[in-house]
Amino acid sequence: MSIRDIIEGKNEWRAHVARVKALPQDYQIVYKEIQKYLFKVGPVELTEMTGLLSGIVDLFEEGAASGKSVLEMTGNDVAAFCDELIKDSKTYANIYQESVDQDVHKAMKKVTDKK
């Protein structure tokens, strides 16, 4: 990644943040919770995350422009809304689950090998 790519990425992120700040307060609150949720469990690929967040802002801008409440856009279960958005993506939760499964299988193999 070149310096130019980094600078362009920062500029894009600043523009994204400005769009979020232009949303009504209720939309901003829900967006920030979605962002936190997705950063914890969301897609492994950063490029997917950037496009996903931009798409959420697009959706929220449309909803706000049409006078809808933010929960009309997401539903009351915002975590389920997020899960639906990332259902086909490899997530950090998937990686952790795979790690736990591998650790259990290794431990069980050691136990059965001793018998």
PDB file of N, CA and C in Angstrom:
ATOM      1  N   MET A   1       0.853  -1.174   0.000  1.00  0.00           N
ATOM      2  CA  MET A   1       0.000   0.000   0.000  1.00  0.00           C
ATOM      3  C   MET A   1       0.901   1.240   0.000  1.00  0.00           C
ATOM      4  N   SER A   2       0.626   2.129  -0.914  1.00  0.00           N
ATOM      5  CA  SER A   2       1.446   3.325  -1.044  1.00  0.00           C
ATOM      6  C   SER A   2       0.935   4.443  -0.139  1.00  0.00           C
ATOM      7  N   ILE A   3       1.749   5.454   0.012  1.00  0.00           N
ATOM      8  CA  ILE A   3       1.362   6.631   0.796  1.00  0.00           C
ATOM      9  C   ILE A   3       0.100   7.259   0.197  1.00  0.00           C
ATOM     10  N   ARG A   4       0.058   7.300  -1.115  1.00  0.00           N
ATOM     11  CA  ARG A   4      -1.107   7.875  -1.790  1.00  0.00           C
ATOM     12  C   ARG A   4      -2.382   7.098  -1.436  1.00  0.00           C
ATOM     13  N   ASP A   5      -2.295   5.766  -1.401  1.00  0.00           N
ATOM     14  CA  ASP A   5      -3.446   4.938  -1.037  1.00  0.00           C
ATOM     15  C   ASP A   5      -3.891   5.241   0.390  1.00  0.00           C
ATOM     16  N   ILE A   6      -2.936   5.398   1.284  1.00  0.00           N
ATOM     17  CA  ILE A   6      -3.257   5.697   2.678  1.00  0.00           C
ATOM     18  C   ILE A   6      -3.963   7.043   2.784  1.00  0.00           C
ATOM     19  N   ILE A   7      -3.440   8.035   2.101  1.00  0.00           N
ATOM     20  CA  ILE A   7      -4.044   9.374   2.147  1.00  0.00           C
ATOM     21  C   ILE A   7      -5.442   9.347   1.542  1.00  0.00           C
ATOM     22  N   GLU A   8      -5.605   8.666   0.415  1.00  0.00           N
ATOM     23  CA  GLU A   8      -6.927   8.559  -0.204  1.00  0.00           C
ATOM     24  C   GLU A   8      -7.902   7.838   0.720  1.00  0.00           C
ATOM     25  N   GLY A   9      -7.414   6.784   1.385  1.00  0.00           N
ATOM     26  CA  GLY A   9      -8.255   6.065   2.329  1.00  0.00           C
ATOM     27  C   GLY A   9      -8.703   6.940   3.486  1.00  0.00           C
ATOM     28  N   LYS A  10      -7.780   7.765   3.997  1.00  0.00           N
ATOM     29  CA  LYS A  10      -8.129   8.687   5.089  1.00  0.00           C
ATOM     30  C   LYS A  10      -9.154   9.704   4.620  1.00  0.00           C
ATOM     31  N   ASN A  11      -8.960  10.218   3.422  1.00  0.00           N
ATOM     32  CA  ASN A  11      -9.908  11.204   2.889  1.00  0.00           C
ATOM     33  C   ASN A  11     -11.292  10.591   2.688  1.00  0.00           C
ATOM     34  N   GLU A  12     -11.331   9.362   2.192  1.00  0.00           N
ATOM     35  CA  GLU A  12     -12.616   8.668   2.023  1.00  0.00           C
ATOM     36  C   GLU A  12     -13.281   8.449   3.365  1.00  0.00           C
ATOM     37  N   TRP A  13     -12.507   8.059   4.375  1.00  0.00           N
ATOM     38  CA  TRP A  13     -13.080   7.822   5.702  1.00  0.00           C
ATOM     39  C   TRP A  13     -13.619   9.125   6.284  1.00  0.00           C
ATOM     40  N   ARG A  14     -12.886  10.220   6.112  1.00  0.00           N
ATOM     41  CA  ARG A  14     -13.361  11.516   6.621  1.00  0.00           C
ATOM     42  C   ARG A  14     -14.673  11.911   5.950  1.00  0.00           C
ATOM     43  N   ALA A  15     -14.772  11.688   4.659  1.00  0.00           N
ATOM     44  CA  ALA A  15     -16.011  11.989   3.935  1.00  0.00           C
ATOM     45  C   ALA A  15     -17.140  11.103   4.448  1.00  0.00           C
ATOM     46  N   HIS A  16     -16.832   9.851   4.722  1.00  0.00           N
ATOM     47  CA  HIS A  16     -17.825   8.917   5.263  1.00  0.00           C
ATOM     48  C   HIS A  16     -18.325   9.412   6.619  1.00  0.00           C
ATOM     49  N   VAL A  17     -17.398   9.786   7.492  1.00  0.00           N
ATOM     50  CA  VAL A  17     -17.758  10.276   8.829  1.00  0.00           C
ATOM     51  C   VAL A  17     -18.612  11.539   8.719  1.00  0.00           C
ATOM     52  N   ALA A  18     -18.299  12.406   7.776  1.00  0.00           N
ATOM     53  CA  ALA A  18     -19.093  13.618   7.568  1.00  0.00           C
ATOM     54  C   ALA A  18     -20.526  13.270   7.167  1.00  0.00           C
ATOM     55  N   ARG A  19     -20.686  12.243   6.345  1.00  0.00           N
ATOM     56  CA  ARG A  19     -22.030  11.798   5.950  1.00  0.00           C
ATOM     57  C   ARG A  19     -22.802  11.288   7.159  1.00  0.00           C
ATOM     58  N   VAL A  20     -22.113  10.542   8.024  1.00  0.00           N
ATOM     59  CA  VAL A  20     -22.763  10.020   9.233  1.00  0.00           C
ATOM     60  C   VAL A  20     -23.201  11.176  10.118  1.00  0.00           C
ATOM     61  N   LYS A  21     -22.335  12.160  10.296  1.00  0.00           N
ATOM     62  CA  LYS A  21     -22.652  13.304  11.157  1.00  0.00           C
ATOM     63  C   LYS A  21     -23.796  14.149  10.613  1.00  0.00           C
ATOM     64  N   ALA A  22     -24.053  14.062   9.311  1.00  0.00           N
ATOM     65  CA  ALA A  22     -25.148  14.810   8.696  1.00  0.00           C
ATOM     66  C   ALA A  22     -26.501  14.115   8.898  1.00  0.00           C
ATOM     67  N   LEU A  23     -26.488  12.867   9.354  1.00  0.00           N
ATOM     68  CA  LEU A  23     -27.729  12.125   9.589  1.00  0.00           C
ATOM     69  C   LEU A  23     -28.435  12.655  10.839  1.00  0.00           C
ATOM     70  N   PRO A  24     -29.762  12.442  10.938  1.00  0.00           N
ATOM     71  CA  PRO A  24     -30.464  12.795  12.169  1.00  0.00           C
ATOM     72  C   PRO A  24     -29.878  12.030  13.367  1.00  0.00           C
ATOM     73  N   GLN A  25     -30.069  12.571  14.547  1.00  0.00           N
ATOM     74  CA  GLN A  25     -29.462  12.020  15.765  1.00  0.00           C
ATOM     75  C   GLN A  25     -29.782  10.544  15.973  1.00  0.00           C
ATOM     76  N   ASP A  26     -31.044  10.127  15.789  1.00  0.00           N
ATOM     77  CA  ASP A  26     -31.396   8.726  16.015  1.00  0.00           C
ATOM     78  C   ASP A  26     -30.665   7.799  15.034  1.00  0.00           C
ATOM     79  N   TYR A  27     -30.495   8.248  13.812  1.00  0.00           N
ATOM     80  CA  TYR A  27     -29.750   7.468  12.820  1.00  0.00           C
ATOM     81  C   TYR A  27     -28.273   7.365  13.208  1.00  0.00           C
ATOM     82  N   GLN A  28     -27.716   8.457  13.712  1.00  0.00           N
ATOM     83  CA  GLN A  28     -26.316   8.435  14.138  1.00  0.00           C
ATOM     84  C   GLN A  28     -26.095   7.449  15.274  1.00  0.00           C
ATOM     85  N   ILE A  29     -27.006   7.440  16.222  1.00  0.00           N
ATOM     86  CA  ILE A  29     -26.883   6.525  17.366  1.00  0.00           C
ATOM     87  C   ILE A  29     -26.891   5.082  16.892  1.00  0.00           C
ATOM     88  N   VAL A  30     -27.846   4.729  16.048  1.00  0.00           N
ATOM     89  CA  VAL A  30     -27.946   3.355  15.552  1.00  0.00           C
ATOM     90  C   VAL A  30     -26.757   3.021  14.672  1.00  0.00           C
ATOM     91  N   TYR A  31     -26.322   3.954  13.838  1.00  0.00           N
ATOM     92  CA  TYR A  31     -25.152   3.704  12.988  1.00  0.00           C
ATOM     93  C   TYR A  31     -23.933   3.378  13.845  1.00  0.00           C
ATOM     94  N   LYS A  32     -23.702   4.156  14.893  1.00  0.00           N
ATOM     95  CA  LYS A  32     -22.527   3.929  15.742  1.00  0.00           C
ATOM     96  C   LYS A  32     -22.597   2.563  16.424  1.00  0.00           C
ATOM     97  N   GLU A  33     -23.778   2.133  16.827  1.00  0.00           N
ATOM     98  CA  GLU A  33     -23.928   0.805  17.433  1.00  0.00           C
ATOM     99  C   GLU A  33     -23.683  -0.295  16.390  1.00  0.00           C
ATOM    100  N   ILE A  34     -24.181  -0.079  15.179  1.00  0.00           N
ATOM    101  CA  ILE A  34     -23.940  -1.032  14.090  1.00  0.00           C
ATOM    102  C   ILE A  34     -22.440  -1.118  13.813  1.00  0.00           C
ATOM    103  N   GLN A  35     -21.796   0.020  13.742  1.00  0.00           N
ATOM    104  CA  GLN A  35     -20.362   0.052  13.471  1.00  0.00           C
ATOM    105  C   GLN A  35     -19.596  -0.712  14.557  1.00  0.00           C
ATOM    106  N   LYS A  36     -19.915  -0.479  15.823  1.00  0.00           N
ATOM    107  CA  LYS A  36     -19.248  -1.204  16.911  1.00  0.00           C
ATOM    108  C   LYS A  36     -19.473  -2.702  16.782  1.00  0.00           C
ATOM    109  N   TYR A  37     -20.713  -3.093  16.511  1.00  0.00           N
ATOM    110  CA  TYR A  37     -21.053  -4.508  16.379  1.00  0.00           C
ATOM    111  C   TYR A  37     -20.261  -5.147  15.244  1.00  0.00           C
ATOM    112  N   LEU A  38     -20.250  -4.477  14.087  1.00  0.00           N
ATOM    113  CA  LEU A  38     -19.565  -5.037  12.934  1.00  0.00           C
ATOM    114  C   LEU A  38     -18.055  -5.091  13.132  1.00  0.00           C
ATOM    115  N   PHE A  39     -17.485  -4.129  13.834  1.00  0.00           N
ATOM    116  CA  PHE A  39     -16.046  -4.164  14.094  1.00  0.00           C
ATOM    117  C   PHE A  39     -15.688  -5.314  15.022  1.00  0.00           C
ATOM    118  N   LYS A  40     -16.624  -5.723  15.869  1.00  0.00           N
ATOM    119  CA  LYS A  40     -16.357  -6.841  16.784  1.00  0.00           C
ATOM    120  C   LYS A  40     -16.559  -8.196  16.127  1.00  0.00           C
ATOM    121  N   VAL A  41     -17.612  -8.345  15.339  1.00  0.00           N
ATOM    122  CA  VAL A  41     -17.929  -9.665  14.790  1.00  0.00           C
ATOM    123  C   VAL A  41     -17.965  -9.706  13.272  1.00  0.00           C
ATOM    124  N   GLY A  42     -17.779  -8.578  12.654  1.00  0.00           N
ATOM    125  CA  GLY A  42     -18.028  -8.448  11.234  1.00  0.00           C
ATOM    126  C   GLY A  42     -17.039  -9.094  10.302  1.00  0.00           C
ATOM    127  N   PRO A  43     -17.161  -8.768   9.028  1.00  0.00           N
ATOM    128  CA  PRO A  43     -16.339  -9.385   7.989  1.00  0.00           C
ATOM    129  C   PRO A  43     -14.848  -9.221   8.254  1.00  0.00           C
ATOM    130  N   VAL A  44     -14.106 -10.248   7.898  1.00  0.00           N
ATOM    131  CA  VAL A  44     -12.665 -10.240   8.076  1.00  0.00           C
ATOM    132  C   VAL A  44     -12.015  -9.262   7.094  1.00  0.00           C
ATOM    133  N   GLU A  45     -12.540  -9.199   5.903  1.00  0.00           N
ATOM    134  CA  GLU A  45     -11.978  -8.335   4.872  1.00  0.00           C
ATOM    135  C   GLU A  45     -12.374  -6.884   5.111  1.00  0.00           C
ATOM    136  N   LEU A  46     -11.380  -6.033   5.307  1.00  0.00           N
ATOM    137  CA  LEU A  46     -11.631  -4.619   5.553  1.00  0.00           C
ATOM    138  C   LEU A  46     -12.357  -3.975   4.381  1.00  0.00           C
ATOM    139  N   THR A  47     -12.049  -4.376   3.164  1.00  0.00           N
ATOM    140  CA  THR A  47     -12.714  -3.790   2.003  1.00  0.00           C
ATOM    141  C   THR A  47     -14.212  -4.078   2.025  1.00  0.00           C
ATOM    142  N   GLU A  48     -14.589  -5.268   2.502  1.00  0.00           N
ATOM    143  CA  GLU A  48     -16.013  -5.584   2.631  1.00  0.00           C
ATOM    144  C   GLU A  48     -16.654  -4.672   3.671  1.00  0.00           C
ATOM    145  N   MET A  49     -15.939  -4.443   4.775  1.00  0.00           N
ATOM    146  CA  MET A  49     -16.468  -3.623   5.857  1.00  0.00           C
ATOM    147  C   MET A  49     -16.688  -2.191   5.382  1.00  0.00           C
ATOM    148  N   THR A  50     -15.738  -1.639   4.650  1.00  0.00           N
ATOM    149  CA  THR A  50     -15.852  -0.262   4.170  1.00  0.00           C
ATOM    150  C   THR A  50     -17.059  -0.118   3.259  1.00  0.00           C
ATOM    151  N   GLY A  51     -17.213  -1.044   2.322  1.00  0.00           N
ATOM    152  CA  GLY A  51     -18.369  -0.996   1.429  1.00  0.00           C
ATOM    153  C   GLY A  51     -19.674  -1.197   2.168  1.00  0.00           C
ATOM    154  N   LEU A  52     -19.651  -2.061   3.161  1.00  0.00           N
ATOM    155  CA  LEU A  52     -20.847  -2.328   3.954  1.00  0.00           C
ATOM    156  C   LEU A  52     -21.270  -1.086   4.726  1.00  0.00           C
ATOM    157  N   LEU A  53     -20.322  -0.426   5.375  1.00  0.00           N
ATOM    158  CA  LEU A  53     -20.646   0.774   6.141  1.00  0.00           C
ATOM    159  C   LEU A  53     -21.160   1.888   5.237  1.00  0.00           C
ATOM    160  N   SER A  54     -20.567   2.019   4.073  1.00  0.00           N
ATOM    161  CA  SER A  54     -21.019   3.020   3.114  1.00  0.00           C
ATOM    162  C   SER A  54     -22.445   2.719   2.656  1.00  0.00           C
ATOM    163  N   GLY A  55     -22.733   1.444   2.438  1.00  0.00           N
ATOM    164  CA  GLY A  55     -24.082   1.045   2.046  1.00  0.00           C
ATOM    165  C   GLY A  55     -25.107   1.331   3.130  1.00  0.00           C
ATOM    166  N   ILE A  56     -24.708   1.160   4.382  1.00  0.00           N
ATOM    167  CA  ILE A  56     -25.612   1.466   5.498  1.00  0.00           C
ATOM    168  C   ILE A  56     -25.913   2.959   5.526  1.00  0.00           C
ATOM    169  N   VAL A  57     -24.885   3.783   5.320  1.00  0.00           N
ATOM    170  CA  VAL A  57     -25.110   5.229   5.289  1.00  0.00           C
ATOM    171  C   VAL A  57     -26.034   5.588   4.124  1.00  0.00           C
ATOM    172  N   ASP A  58     -25.843   4.957   2.970  1.00  0.00           N
ATOM    173  CA  ASP A  58     -26.747   5.195   1.833  1.00  0.00           C
ATOM    174  C   ASP A  58     -28.190   4.890   2.236  1.00  0.00           C
ATOM    175  N   LEU A  59     -28.397   3.728   2.836  1.00  0.00           N
ATOM    176  CA  LEU A  59     -29.731   3.313   3.280  1.00  0.00           C
ATOM    177  C   LEU A  59     -30.306   4.309   4.280  1.00  0.00           C
ATOM    178  N   PHE A  60     -29.487   4.728   5.240  1.00  0.00           N
ATOM    179  CA  PHE A  60     -29.945   5.657   6.264  1.00  0.00           C
ATOM    180  C   PHE A  60     -30.262   7.035   5.674  1.00  0.00           C
ATOM    181  N   GLU A  61     -29.478   7.479   4.721  1.00  0.00           N
ATOM    182  CA  GLU A  61     -29.768   8.769   4.077  1.00  0.00           C
ATOM    183  C   GLU A  61     -31.115   8.714   3.357  1.00  0.00           C
ATOM    184  N   GLU A  62     -31.375   7.599   2.682  1.00  0.00           N
ATOM    185  CA  GLU A  62     -32.662   7.435   1.997  1.00  0.00           C
ATOM    186  C   GLU A  62     -33.811   7.405   2.998  1.00  0.00           C
ATOM    187  N   GLY A  63     -33.620   6.663   4.086  1.00  0.00           N
ATOM    188  CA  GLY A  63     -34.662   6.575   5.105  1.00  0.00           C
ATOM    189  C   GLY A  63     -34.952   7.917   5.748  1.00  0.00           C
ATOM    190  N   ALA A  64     -33.897   8.638   6.081  1.00  0.00           N
ATOM    191  CA  ALA A  64     -34.080   9.961   6.693  1.00  0.00           C
ATOM    192  C   ALA A  64     -34.768  10.919   5.724  1.00  0.00           C
ATOM    193  N   ALA A  65     -34.377  10.869   4.446  1.00  0.00           N
ATOM    194  CA  ALA A  65     -34.974  11.751   3.435  1.00  0.00           C
ATOM    195  C   ALA A  65     -36.461  11.460   3.252  1.00  0.00           C
ATOM    196  N   SER A  66     -36.848  10.196   3.442  1.00  0.00           N
ATOM    197  CA  SER A  66     -38.263   9.842   3.272  1.00  0.00           C
ATOM    198  C   SER A  66     -39.051   9.961   4.571  1.00  0.00           C
ATOM    199  N   GLY A  67     -38.394  10.420   5.636  1.00  0.00           N
ATOM    200  CA  GLY A  67     -39.095  10.662   6.896  1.00  0.00           C
ATOM    201  C   GLY A  67     -39.319   9.429   7.751  1.00  0.00           C
ATOM    202  N   LYS A  68     -38.644   8.333   7.438  1.00  0.00           N
ATOM    203  CA  LYS A  68     -38.796   7.107   8.233  1.00  0.00           C
ATOM    204  C   LYS A  68     -37.909   7.172   9.475  1.00  0.00           C
ATOM    205  N   SER A  69     -38.348   6.495  10.526  1.00  0.00           N
ATOM    206  CA  SER A  69     -37.485   6.386  11.707  1.00  0.00           C
ATOM    207  C   SER A  69     -36.418   5.348  11.405  1.00  0.00           C
ATOM    208  N   VAL A  70     -35.323   5.431  12.117  1.00  0.00           N
ATOM    209  CA  VAL A  70     -34.211   4.517  11.866  1.00  0.00           C
ATOM    210  C   VAL A  70     -34.617   3.067  12.111  1.00  0.00           C
ATOM    211  N   LEU A  71     -35.461   2.833  13.121  1.00  0.00           N
ATOM    212  CA  LEU A  71     -35.867   1.453  13.413  1.00  0.00           C
ATOM    213  C   LEU A  71     -36.849   0.910  12.380  1.00  0.00           C
ATOM    214  N   GLU A  72     -37.477   1.785  11.610  1.00  0.00           N
ATOM    215  CA  GLU A  72     -38.263   1.311  10.472  1.00  0.00           C
ATOM    216  C   GLU A  72     -37.328   0.750   9.402  1.00  0.00           C
ATOM    217  N   MET A  73     -36.108   1.260   9.365  1.00  0.00           N
ATOM    218  CA  MET A  73     -35.133   0.811   8.377  1.00  0.00           C
ATOM    219  C   MET A  73     -34.448  -0.484   8.813  1.00  0.00           C
ATOM    220  N   THR A  74     -34.145  -0.605  10.097  1.00  0.00           N
ATOM    221  CA  THR A  74     -33.370  -1.748  10.575  1.00  0.00           C
ATOM    222  C   THR A  74     -34.219  -2.816  11.245  1.00  0.00           C
ATOM    223  N   GLY A  75     -35.379  -2.436  11.745  1.00  0.00           N
ATOM    224  CA  GLY A  75     -36.151  -3.311  12.615  1.00  0.00           C
ATOM    225  C   GLY A  75     -35.678  -3.087  14.047  1.00  0.00           C
ATOM    226  N   ASN A  76     -36.421  -3.605  15.005  1.00  0.00           N
ATOM    227  CA  ASN A  76     -36.083  -3.388  16.416  1.00  0.00           C
ATOM    228  C   ASN A  76     -34.837  -4.147  16.854  1.00  0.00           C
ATOM    229  N   ASP A  77     -34.535  -5.260  16.213  1.00  0.00           N
ATOM    230  CA  ASP A  77     -33.360  -6.059  16.571  1.00  0.00           C
ATOM    231  C   ASP A  77     -32.208  -5.669  15.639  1.00  0.00           C
ATOM    232  N   VAL A  78     -31.458  -4.675  16.071  1.00  0.00           N
ATOM    233  CA  VAL A  78     -30.389  -4.131  15.225  1.00  0.00           C
ATOM    234  C   VAL A  78     -29.277  -5.163  15.024  1.00  0.00           C
ATOM    235  N   ALA A  79     -28.991  -5.969  16.036  1.00  0.00           N
ATOM    236  CA  ALA A  79     -27.967  -7.016  15.883  1.00  0.00           C
ATOM    237  C   ALA A  79     -28.385  -8.022  14.813  1.00  0.00           C
ATOM    238  N   ALA A  80     -29.655  -8.390  14.777  1.00  0.00           N
ATOM    239  CA  ALA A  80     -30.142  -9.312  13.742  1.00  0.00           C
ATOM    240  C   ALA A  80     -30.021  -8.661  12.364  1.00  0.00           C
ATOM    241  N   PHE A  81     -30.275  -7.369  12.281  1.00  0.00           N
ATOM    242  CA  PHE A  81     -30.098  -6.626  11.029  1.00  0.00           C
ATOM    243  C   PHE A  81     -28.648  -6.753  10.565  1.00  0.00           C
ATOM    244  N   CYS A  82     -27.711  -6.567  11.489  1.00  0.00           N
ATOM    245  CA  CYS A  82     -26.283  -6.683  11.163  1.00  0.00           C
ATOM    246  C   CYS A  82     -25.934  -8.100  10.731  1.00  0.00           C
ATOM    247  N   ASP A  83     -26.426  -9.073  11.479  1.00  0.00           N
ATOM    248  CA  ASP A  83     -26.139 -10.469  11.144  1.00  0.00           C
ATOM    249  C   ASP A  83     -26.621 -10.813   9.739  1.00  0.00           C
ATOM    250  N   GLU A  84     -27.764 -10.284   9.370  1.00  0.00           N
ATOM    251  CA  GLU A  84     -28.296 -10.536   8.032  1.00  0.00           C
ATOM    252  C   GLU A  84     -27.383  -9.920   6.964  1.00  0.00           C
ATOM    253  N   LEU A  85     -26.830  -8.748   7.258  1.00  0.00           N
ATOM    254  CA  LEU A  85     -25.940  -8.085   6.298  1.00  0.00           C
ATOM    255  C   LEU A  85     -24.661  -8.873   6.044  1.00  0.00           C
ATOM    256  N   ILE A  86     -24.186  -9.581   7.058  1.00  0.00           N
ATOM    257  CA  ILE A  86     -22.895 -10.268   6.939  1.00  0.00           C
ATOM    258  C   ILE A  86     -23.031 -11.781   6.865  1.00  0.00           C
ATOM    259  N   LYS A  87     -24.233 -12.271   6.634  1.00  0.00           N
ATOM    260  CA  LYS A  87     -24.476 -13.717   6.701  1.00  0.00           C
ATOM    261  C   LYS A  87     -23.632 -14.528   5.720  1.00  0.00           C
ATOM    262  N   ASP A  88     -23.239 -13.944   4.602  1.00  0.00           N
ATOM    263  CA  ASP A  88     -22.451 -14.682   3.610  1.00  0.00           C
ATOM    264  C   ASP A  88     -20.959 -14.360   3.661  1.00  0.00           C
ATOM    265  N   SER A  89     -20.541 -13.629   4.679  1.00  0.00           N
ATOM    266  CA  SER A  89     -19.135 -13.231   4.812  1.00  0.00           C
ATOM    267  C   SER A  89     -18.459 -14.025   5.914  1.00  0.00           C
ATOM    268  N   LYS A  90     -17.188 -14.281   5.746  1.00  0.00           N
ATOM    269  CA  LYS A  90     -16.406 -14.901   6.808  1.00  0.00           C
ATOM    270  C   LYS A  90     -16.179 -13.833   7.882  1.00  0.00           C
ATOM    271  N   THR A  91     -16.511 -14.165   9.117  1.00  0.00           N
ATOM    272  CA  THR A  91     -16.422 -13.187  10.197  1.00  0.00           C
ATOM    273  C   THR A  91     -15.382 -13.594  11.228  1.00  0.00           C
ATOM    274  N   TYR A  92     -15.053 -12.665  12.097  1.00  0.00           N
ATOM    275  CA  TYR A  92     -14.143 -12.962  13.196  1.00  0.00           C
ATOM    276  C   TYR A  92     -14.754 -14.027  14.104  1.00  0.00           C
ATOM    277  N   ALA A  93     -16.066 -14.010  14.254  1.00  0.00           N
ATOM    278  CA  ALA A  93     -16.735 -15.035  15.056  1.00  0.00           C
ATOM    279  C   ALA A  93     -16.519 -16.420  14.434  1.00  0.00           C
ATOM    280  N   ASN A  94     -16.583 -16.528  13.111  1.00  0.00           N
ATOM    281  CA  ASN A  94     -16.331 -17.806  12.426  1.00  0.00           C
ATOM    282  C   ASN A  94     -14.924 -18.304  12.701  1.00  0.00           C
ATOM    283  N   ILE A  95     -13.966 -17.405  12.626  1.00  0.00           N
ATOM    284  CA  ILE A  95     -12.571 -17.779  12.863  1.00  0.00           C
ATOM    285  C   ILE A  95     -12.401 -18.279  14.298  1.00  0.00           C
ATOM    286  N   TYR A  96     -13.017 -17.591  15.240  1.00  0.00           N
ATOM    287  CA  TYR A  96     -12.907 -18.004  16.639  1.00  0.00           C
ATOM    288  C   TYR A  96     -13.572 -19.363  16.848  1.00  0.00           C
ATOM    289  N   GLN A  97     -14.720 -19.570  16.254  1.00  0.00           N
ATOM    290  CA  GLN A  97     -15.405 -20.859  16.378  1.00  0.00           C
ATOM    291  C   GLN A  97     -14.543 -21.982  15.818  1.00  0.00           C
ATOM    292  N   GLU A  98     -13.929 -21.748  14.663  1.00  0.00           N
ATOM    293  CA  GLU A  98     -13.056 -22.758  14.065  1.00  0.00           C
ATOM    294  C   GLU A  98     -11.873 -23.058  14.978  1.00  0.00           C
ATOM    295  N   SER A  99     -11.329 -22.037  15.596  1.00  0.00           N
ATOM    296  CA  SER A  99     -10.201 -22.194  16.512  1.00  0.00           C
ATOM    297  C   SER A  99     -10.600 -23.038  17.721  1.00  0.00           C
ATOM    298  N   VAL A 100     -11.763 -22.760  18.275  1.00  0.00           N
ATOM    299  CA  VAL A 100     -12.242 -23.539  19.424  1.00  0.00           C
ATOM    300  C   VAL A 100     -12.438 -24.992  19.026  1.00  0.00           C
ATOM    301  N   ASP A 101     -13.056 -25.222  17.879  1.00  0.00           N
ATOM    302  CA  ASP A 101     -13.272 -26.596  17.413  1.00  0.00           C
ATOM    303  C   ASP A 101     -11.948 -27.330  17.231  1.00  0.00           C
ATOM    304  N   GLN A 102     -10.958 -26.679  16.641  1.00  0.00           N
ATOM    305  CA  GLN A 102      -9.655 -27.309  16.440  1.00  0.00           C
ATOM    306  C   GLN A 102      -8.991 -27.639  17.774  1.00  0.00           C
ATOM    307  N   ASP A 103      -9.082 -26.715  18.726  1.00  0.00           N
ATOM    308  CA  ASP A 103      -8.484 -26.952  20.041  1.00  0.00           C
ATOM    309  C   ASP A 103      -9.145 -28.132  20.748  1.00  0.00           C
ATOM    310  N   VAL A 104     -10.464 -28.226  20.651  1.00  0.00           N
ATOM    311  CA  VAL A 104     -11.181 -29.341  21.279  1.00  0.00           C
ATOM    312  C   VAL A 104     -10.785 -30.660  20.628  1.00  0.00           C
ATOM    313  N   HIS A 105     -10.727 -30.674  19.311  1.00  0.00           N
ATOM    314  CA  HIS A 105     -10.361 -31.909  18.608  1.00  0.00           C
ATOM    315  C   HIS A 105      -8.936 -32.346  18.945  1.00  0.00           C
ATOM    316  N   LYS A 106      -8.012 -31.401  19.034  1.00  0.00           N
ATOM    317  CA  LYS A 106      -6.635 -31.726  19.408  1.00  0.00           C
ATOM    318  C   LYS A 106      -6.583 -32.310  20.814  1.00  0.00           C
ATOM    319  N   ALA A 107      -7.302 -31.670  21.734  1.00  0.00           N
ATOM    320  CA  ALA A 107      -7.308 -32.145  23.116  1.00  0.00           C
ATOM    321  C   ALA A 107      -7.933 -33.541  23.217  1.00  0.00           C
ATOM    322  N   MET A 108      -9.017 -33.742  22.486  1.00  0.00           N
ATOM    323  CA  MET A 108      -9.689 -35.049  22.525  1.00  0.00           C
ATOM    324  C   MET A 108      -8.796 -36.121  21.906  1.00  0.00           C
ATOM    325  N   LYS A 109      -8.047 -35.785  20.872  1.00  0.00           N
ATOM    326  CA  LYS A 109      -7.155 -36.742  20.240  1.00  0.00           C
ATOM    327  C   LYS A 109      -6.063 -37.168  21.227  1.00  0.00           C
ATOM    328  N   LYS A 110      -5.544 -36.237  21.983  1.00  0.00           N
ATOM    329  CA  LYS A 110      -4.508 -36.551  22.978  1.00  0.00           C
ATOM    330  C   LYS A 110      -5.081 -37.505  24.022  1.00  0.00           C
ATOM    331  N   VAL A 111      -6.312 -37.278  24.433  1.00  0.00           N
ATOM    332  CA  VAL A 111      -6.938 -38.136  25.442  1.00  0.00           C
ATOM    333  C   VAL A 111      -7.135 -39.551  24.890  1.00  0.00           C
ATOM    334  N   THR A 112      -7.633 -39.636  23.663  1.00  0.00           N
ATOM    335  CA  THR A 112      -7.896 -40.957  23.081  1.00  0.00           C
ATOM    336  C   THR A 112      -6.593 -41.686  22.721  1.00  0.00           C
ATOM    337  N   ASP A 113      -5.551 -40.930  22.366  1.00  0.00           N
ATOM    338  CA  ASP A 113      -4.251 -41.558  22.069  1.00  0.00           C
ATOM    339  C   ASP A 113      -3.622 -42.169  23.308  1.00  0.00           C
ATOM    340  N   LYS A 114      -3.912 -41.626  24.470  1.00  0.00           N
ATOM    341  CA  LYS A 114      -3.338 -42.151  25.720  1.00  0.00           C
ATOM    342  C   LYS A 114      -3.999 -43.450  26.141  1.00  0.00           C
ATOM    343  N   LYS A 115      -5.166 -43.724  25.625  1.00  0.00           N
ATOM    344  CA  LYS A 115      -5.907 -44.931  26.030  1.00  0.00           C
ATOM    345  C   LYS A 115      -5.415 -46.158  25.339  1.00  0.00           C
TER     346      LYS A 115
END
